[in-house]
Amino acid sequence: QVQLVESGGGLVQPGGSLRLSCAASGRIVSINSMGWYRQAPGKQRELVAVITSSNDTNYADSVKGRFTISSDNAKNTVSLQMNSLKAEDTAVYYCNAHITSYYVRNYWGQGTQVTVSS
């Protein structure tokens, strides 16, 4: 089995920074991409940022220039550096990974709460 474990959420004031991390473990043959999604109360889950195994990245327009995604392929980890946080960034953030294990499929972490408030 494959597990994704997230860390780094919390409460931060507007304009502050947080760093989220996610580690994949288990029977992993290869990781095709890793990324972060978020879901605010009453809203659908949305893509925040994704990075492929060749280090191509894609960001939601709402976070471009403020968030940076990075990965360590040797450690099967992905991080999201979030700067200049706004109240509208408040959500549960989920790590996602497209992994080849026994099958090729998407895996999800349990989610970590990010709250931006004064």
C-alpha atoms as a PDB file:
ATOM      1  CA  GLN A   1       0.000   0.000   0.000  1.00  0.00           C
ATOM      2  CA  VAL A   2       0.928   3.637  -0.420  1.00  0.00           C
ATOM      3  CA  GLN A   3       0.463   6.336   2.191  1.00  0.00           C
ATOM      4  CA  LEU A   4       0.752  10.107   1.988  1.00  0.00           C
ATOM      5  CA  VAL A   5       1.423  11.950   5.237  1.00  0.00           C
ATOM      6  CA  GLU A   6       1.105  15.737   5.381  1.00  0.00           C
ATOM      7  CA  SER A   7       2.466  18.228   7.886  1.00  0.00           C
ATOM      8  CA  GLY A   8       2.813  21.962   8.353  1.00  0.00           C
ATOM      9  CA  GLY A   9      -0.686  23.397   8.507  1.00  0.00           C
ATOM     10  CA  GLY A  10      -1.832  25.864  11.127  1.00  0.00           C
ATOM     11  CA  LEU A  11      -3.021  29.355  11.900  1.00  0.00           C
ATOM     12  CA  VAL A  12      -1.260  32.350  10.379  1.00  0.00           C
ATOM     13  CA  GLN A  13      -2.017  36.058  10.056  1.00  0.00           C
ATOM     14  CA  PRO A  14      -2.723  37.638   6.676  1.00  0.00           C
ATOM     15  CA  GLY A  15       0.537  38.329   4.890  1.00  0.00           C
ATOM     16  CA  GLY A  16       2.303  35.521   6.717  1.00  0.00           C
ATOM     17  CA  SER A  17       3.888  32.325   5.455  1.00  0.00           C
ATOM     18  CA  LEU A  18       3.479  28.592   5.949  1.00  0.00           C
ATOM     19  CA  ARG A  19       5.209  25.572   4.497  1.00  0.00           C
ATOM     20  CA  LEU A  20       3.362  22.322   3.879  1.00  0.00           C
ATOM     21  CA  SER A  21       5.148  19.026   3.387  1.00  0.00           C
ATOM     22  CA  CYS A  22       3.995  15.619   2.218  1.00  0.00           C
ATOM     23  CA  ALA A  23       5.865  12.321   2.260  1.00  0.00           C
ATOM     24  CA  ALA A  24       4.877   9.263   0.248  1.00  0.00           C
ATOM     25  CA  SER A  25       5.762   5.812   1.535  1.00  0.00           C
ATOM     26  CA  GLY A  26       5.001   2.192   0.772  1.00  0.00           C
ATOM     27  CA  ARG A  27       5.373   0.112  -2.339  1.00  0.00           C
ATOM     28  CA  ILE A  28       6.255   2.810  -4.855  1.00  0.00           C
ATOM     29  CA  VAL A  29       7.583   1.927  -8.259  1.00  0.00           C
ATOM     30  CA  SER A  30       7.522   5.487  -9.541  1.00  0.00           C
ATOM     31  CA  ILE A  31       5.882   8.833  -8.810  1.00  0.00           C
ATOM     32  CA  ASN A  32       4.558  10.544 -11.903  1.00  0.00           C
ATOM     33  CA  SER A  33       3.435  13.751 -10.231  1.00  0.00           C
ATOM     34  CA  MET A  34       2.702  15.215  -6.818  1.00  0.00           C
ATOM     35  CA  GLY A  35       0.590  18.186  -5.943  1.00  0.00           C
ATOM     36  CA  TRP A  36      -1.640  20.052  -3.563  1.00  0.00           C
ATOM     37  CA  TYR A  37      -5.375  20.617  -3.656  1.00  0.00           C
ATOM     38  CA  ARG A  38      -7.528  22.578  -1.242  1.00  0.00           C
ATOM     39  CA  GLN A  39     -11.132  22.632  -0.196  1.00  0.00           C
ATOM     40  CA  ALA A  40     -12.767  25.524   1.603  1.00  0.00           C
ATOM     41  CA  PRO A  41     -16.104  25.126   3.427  1.00  0.00           C
ATOM     42  CA  GLY A  42     -18.971  24.941   0.952  1.00  0.00           C
ATOM     43  CA  LYS A  43     -16.665  24.836  -2.058  1.00  0.00           C
ATOM     44  CA  GLN A  44     -15.344  22.152  -4.360  1.00  0.00           C
ATOM     45  CA  ARG A  45     -11.842  20.815  -4.037  1.00  0.00           C
ATOM     46  CA  GLU A  46      -9.508  22.721  -6.352  1.00  0.00           C
ATOM     47  CA  LEU A  47      -5.992  22.331  -7.656  1.00  0.00           C
ATOM     48  CA  VAL A  48      -3.421  24.582  -6.004  1.00  0.00           C
ATOM     49  CA  ALA A  49      -0.168  23.396  -7.567  1.00  0.00           C
ATOM     50  CA  VAL A  50       1.335  20.299  -9.160  1.00  0.00           C
ATOM     51  CA  ILE A  51       4.856  19.199 -10.040  1.00  0.00           C
ATOM     52  CA  THR A  52       5.756  16.349 -12.372  1.00  0.00           C
ATOM     53  CA  SER A  53       8.640  13.918 -12.171  1.00  0.00           C
ATOM     54  CA  SER A  54      10.438  16.086 -14.736  1.00  0.00           C
ATOM     55  CA  ASN A  55       9.918  19.160 -12.527  1.00  0.00           C
ATOM     56  CA  ASP A  56       7.281  20.820 -14.679  1.00  0.00           C
ATOM     57  CA  THR A  57       4.963  22.874 -12.492  1.00  0.00           C
ATOM     58  CA  ASN A  58       1.461  24.262 -12.760  1.00  0.00           C
ATOM     59  CA  TYR A  59      -0.276  26.673 -10.410  1.00  0.00           C
ATOM     60  CA  ALA A  60      -3.779  27.959  -9.894  1.00  0.00           C
ATOM     61  CA  ASP A  61      -4.002  31.569 -11.031  1.00  0.00           C
ATOM     62  CA  SER A  62      -4.995  32.620  -7.515  1.00  0.00           C
ATOM     63  CA  VAL A  63      -1.661  31.492  -6.027  1.00  0.00           C
ATOM     64  CA  LYS A  64       0.806  32.325  -8.795  1.00  0.00           C
ATOM     65  CA  GLY A  65       3.657  34.449  -7.498  1.00  0.00           C
ATOM     66  CA  ARG A  66       2.830  33.625  -3.865  1.00  0.00           C
ATOM     67  CA  PHE A  67       3.130  29.828  -3.620  1.00  0.00           C
ATOM     68  CA  THR A  68       6.021  27.626  -4.709  1.00  0.00           C
ATOM     69  CA  ILE A  69       5.886  23.865  -5.091  1.00  0.00           C
ATOM     70  CA  SER A  70       9.013  21.725  -4.920  1.00  0.00           C
ATOM     71  CA  SER A  71       9.817  18.049  -4.666  1.00  0.00           C
ATOM     72  CA  ASP A  72      12.611  15.737  -3.614  1.00  0.00           C
ATOM     73  CA  ASN A  73      12.379  12.718  -5.871  1.00  0.00           C
ATOM     74  CA  ALA A  74      14.922  10.738  -3.845  1.00  0.00           C
ATOM     75  CA  LYS A  75      12.833  11.138  -0.683  1.00  0.00           C
ATOM     76  CA  ASN A  76       9.382  10.968  -2.334  1.00  0.00           C
ATOM     77  CA  THR A  77       8.377  14.268  -0.795  1.00  0.00           C
ATOM     78  CA  VAL A  78       6.646  17.402  -2.012  1.00  0.00           C
ATOM     79  CA  SER A  79       6.473  20.783  -0.318  1.00  0.00           C
ATOM     80  CA  LEU A  80       4.391  23.899  -0.775  1.00  0.00           C
ATOM     81  CA  GLN A  81       5.843  27.204   0.364  1.00  0.00           C
ATOM     82  CA  MET A  82       2.988  29.649   0.855  1.00  0.00           C
ATOM     83  CA  ASN A  83       3.818  33.334   1.172  1.00  0.00           C
ATOM     84  CA  SER A  84       1.673  36.467   1.359  1.00  0.00           C
ATOM     85  CA  LEU A  85      -1.224  34.399   2.624  1.00  0.00           C
ATOM     86  CA  LYS A  86      -4.724  35.786   2.360  1.00  0.00           C
ATOM     87  CA  ALA A  87      -7.944  34.985   4.186  1.00  0.00           C
ATOM     88  CA  GLU A  88      -9.243  33.335   1.025  1.00  0.00           C
ATOM     89  CA  ASP A  89      -6.411  30.790   1.223  1.00  0.00           C
ATOM     90  CA  THR A  90      -8.106  29.302   4.280  1.00  0.00           C
ATOM     91  CA  ALA A  91      -8.954  25.678   3.503  1.00  0.00           C
ATOM     92  CA  VAL A  92      -8.064  22.079   4.135  1.00  0.00           C
ATOM     93  CA  TYR A  93      -5.050  21.304   1.970  1.00  0.00           C
ATOM     94  CA  TYR A  94      -4.672  17.797   0.552  1.00  0.00           C
ATOM     95  CA  CYS A  95      -1.561  16.203  -0.836  1.00  0.00           C
ATOM     96  CA  ASN A  96      -2.095  14.231  -4.029  1.00  0.00           C
ATOM     97  CA  ALA A  97       0.253  11.882  -5.840  1.00  0.00           C
ATOM     98  CA  HIS A  98      -0.075   9.951  -9.076  1.00  0.00           C
ATOM     99  CA  ILE A  99       1.889   6.824  -8.319  1.00  0.00           C
ATOM    100  CA  THR A 100       2.755   3.558  -9.990  1.00  0.00           C
ATOM    101  CA  SER A 101       2.513   0.847  -7.355  1.00  0.00           C
ATOM    102  CA  TYR A 102       0.613  -2.383  -7.956  1.00  0.00           C
ATOM    103  CA  TYR A 103      -1.577  -0.148 -10.071  1.00  0.00           C
ATOM    104  CA  VAL A 104      -1.300   3.341 -11.470  1.00  0.00           C
ATOM    105  CA  ARG A 105      -3.625   5.577  -9.518  1.00  0.00           C
ATOM    106  CA  ASN A 106      -4.047   8.749  -7.536  1.00  0.00           C
ATOM    107  CA  TYR A 107      -3.447   8.744  -3.795  1.00  0.00           C
ATOM    108  CA  TRP A 108      -4.593  11.344  -1.268  1.00  0.00           C
ATOM    109  CA  GLY A 109      -3.340  12.475   2.086  1.00  0.00           C
ATOM    110  CA  GLN A 110      -5.624  13.000   5.075  1.00  0.00           C
ATOM    111  CA  GLY A 111      -5.607  16.798   4.740  1.00  0.00           C
ATOM    112  CA  THR A 112      -4.160  19.585   6.850  1.00  0.00           C
ATOM    113  CA  GLN A 113      -5.988  22.725   7.924  1.00  0.00           C
ATOM    114  CA  VAL A 114      -4.624  26.133   6.926  1.00  0.00           C
ATOM    115  CA  THR A 115      -6.352  29.107   8.529  1.00  0.00           C
ATOM    116  CA  VAL A 116      -5.427  32.671   7.622  1.00  0.00           C
ATOM    117  CA  SER A 117      -6.918  35.086  10.098  1.00  0.00           C
ATOM    118  CA  SER A 118      -6.011  38.047  12.247  1.00  0.00           C
END
